[in-house]
Amino acid sequence: MMDKKRHNRKVFFDPLPDEMQHPADAISRRIEANFRVDALPRDMADIHIPLYVEPVEPPNTTLFHALFTSEPASLP
């Protein structure tokens, strides 16, 4: 059985390291084309929301955290 917890929590945001930019662009274009979606604008991803998304708690939780987690829980 596979462990569903993330083991590497390191995330790169713009600007990416030079050696990662081309592969990231290629992967993002493929995802956008296959799923007919657009990239989430950075200003929208940074909107603070009142949710606990382990290990982040309000007021530090953003929409990005909530969209890219498998275990969200709302405030009581």
Protein backbone atom coordinates (compact mmCIF):
# COMPACT_ATOMS: atom_id res chain seq x y z
CA MET A 1 0.00 0.00 0.00
CA MET A 2 1.35 3.40 -0.96
CA ASP A 3 1.76 6.16 1.63
CA LYS A 4 -0.35 9.14 0.54
CA LYS A 5 1.63 11.71 2.54
CA ARG A 6 3.97 14.03 0.68
CA HIS A 7 7.60 13.42 1.47
CA ASN A 8 9.27 16.31 -0.34
CA ARG A 9 7.54 19.55 0.56
CA LYS A 10 9.97 21.78 -1.37
CA VAL A 11 8.17 23.81 -4.00
CA PHE A 12 9.67 26.23 -6.50
CA PHE A 13 7.78 29.32 -7.56
CA ASP A 14 8.75 31.80 -10.26
CA PRO A 15 11.44 32.24 -11.14
CA LEU A 16 12.36 28.59 -11.42
CA PRO A 17 16.00 27.53 -11.53
CA ASP A 18 17.21 27.80 -15.15
CA GLU A 19 17.57 24.03 -15.59
CA MET A 20 13.92 23.52 -14.58
CA GLN A 21 12.26 26.24 -16.69
CA HIS A 22 12.11 24.42 -20.06
CA PRO A 23 10.79 21.11 -18.65
CA ALA A 24 8.25 23.00 -16.51
CA ASP A 25 7.00 24.94 -19.53
CA ALA A 26 6.65 21.75 -21.58
CA ILE A 27 4.80 19.92 -18.80
CA SER A 28 2.46 22.84 -18.11
CA ARG A 29 1.59 23.21 -21.82
CA ARG A 30 0.77 19.49 -22.00
CA ILE A 31 -1.41 19.59 -18.86
CA GLU A 32 -3.24 22.70 -20.09
CA ALA A 33 -3.87 21.15 -23.51
CA ASN A 34 -4.92 17.70 -22.25
CA PHE A 35 -7.30 19.00 -19.59
CA ARG A 36 -8.36 22.19 -21.39
CA VAL A 37 -7.40 24.36 -18.43
CA ASP A 38 -5.38 27.51 -17.89
CA ALA A 39 -2.73 28.15 -15.29
CA LEU A 40 -4.01 29.60 -12.02
CA PRO A 41 -2.85 33.24 -11.93
CA ARG A 42 -0.37 33.87 -9.12
CA ASP A 43 -2.44 36.72 -7.63
CA MET A 44 -5.45 34.40 -7.38
CA ALA A 45 -3.40 31.51 -5.93
CA ASP A 46 -2.16 33.84 -3.18
CA ILE A 47 -5.66 34.76 -1.91
CA HIS A 48 -5.90 33.95 1.81
CA ILE A 49 -8.75 31.65 2.82
CA PRO A 50 -10.14 30.56 6.23
CA LEU A 51 -9.22 26.87 6.01
CA TYR A 52 -6.82 24.55 7.78
CA VAL A 53 -4.73 22.75 5.17
CA GLU A 54 -2.03 20.76 6.95
CA PRO A 55 0.45 22.01 7.92
CA VAL A 56 -0.82 25.54 7.15
CA GLU A 57 -3.36 27.33 9.36
CA PRO A 58 -5.33 30.56 8.92
CA PRO A 59 -4.47 33.33 8.33
CA ASN A 60 -1.56 31.87 6.31
CA THR A 61 -3.59 29.42 4.20
CA THR A 62 -4.00 30.39 0.55
CA LEU A 63 -6.20 29.14 -2.26
CA PHE A 64 -3.10 27.40 -3.65
CA HIS A 65 -2.75 25.33 -0.46
CA ALA A 66 -6.41 24.28 -0.57
CA LEU A 67 -6.43 23.34 -4.24
CA PHE A 68 -3.31 21.20 -4.04
CA THR A 69 -3.87 19.09 -0.94
CA SER A 70 -5.62 15.80 -0.36
CA GLU A 71 -6.68 16.50 3.24
CA PRO A 72 -8.49 19.87 3.68
CA ALA A 73 -10.63 20.63 6.74
CA SER A 74 -12.78 23.71 7.25
CA LEU A 75 -12.79 25.94 10.29
CA PRO A 76 -15.15 24.86 13.08
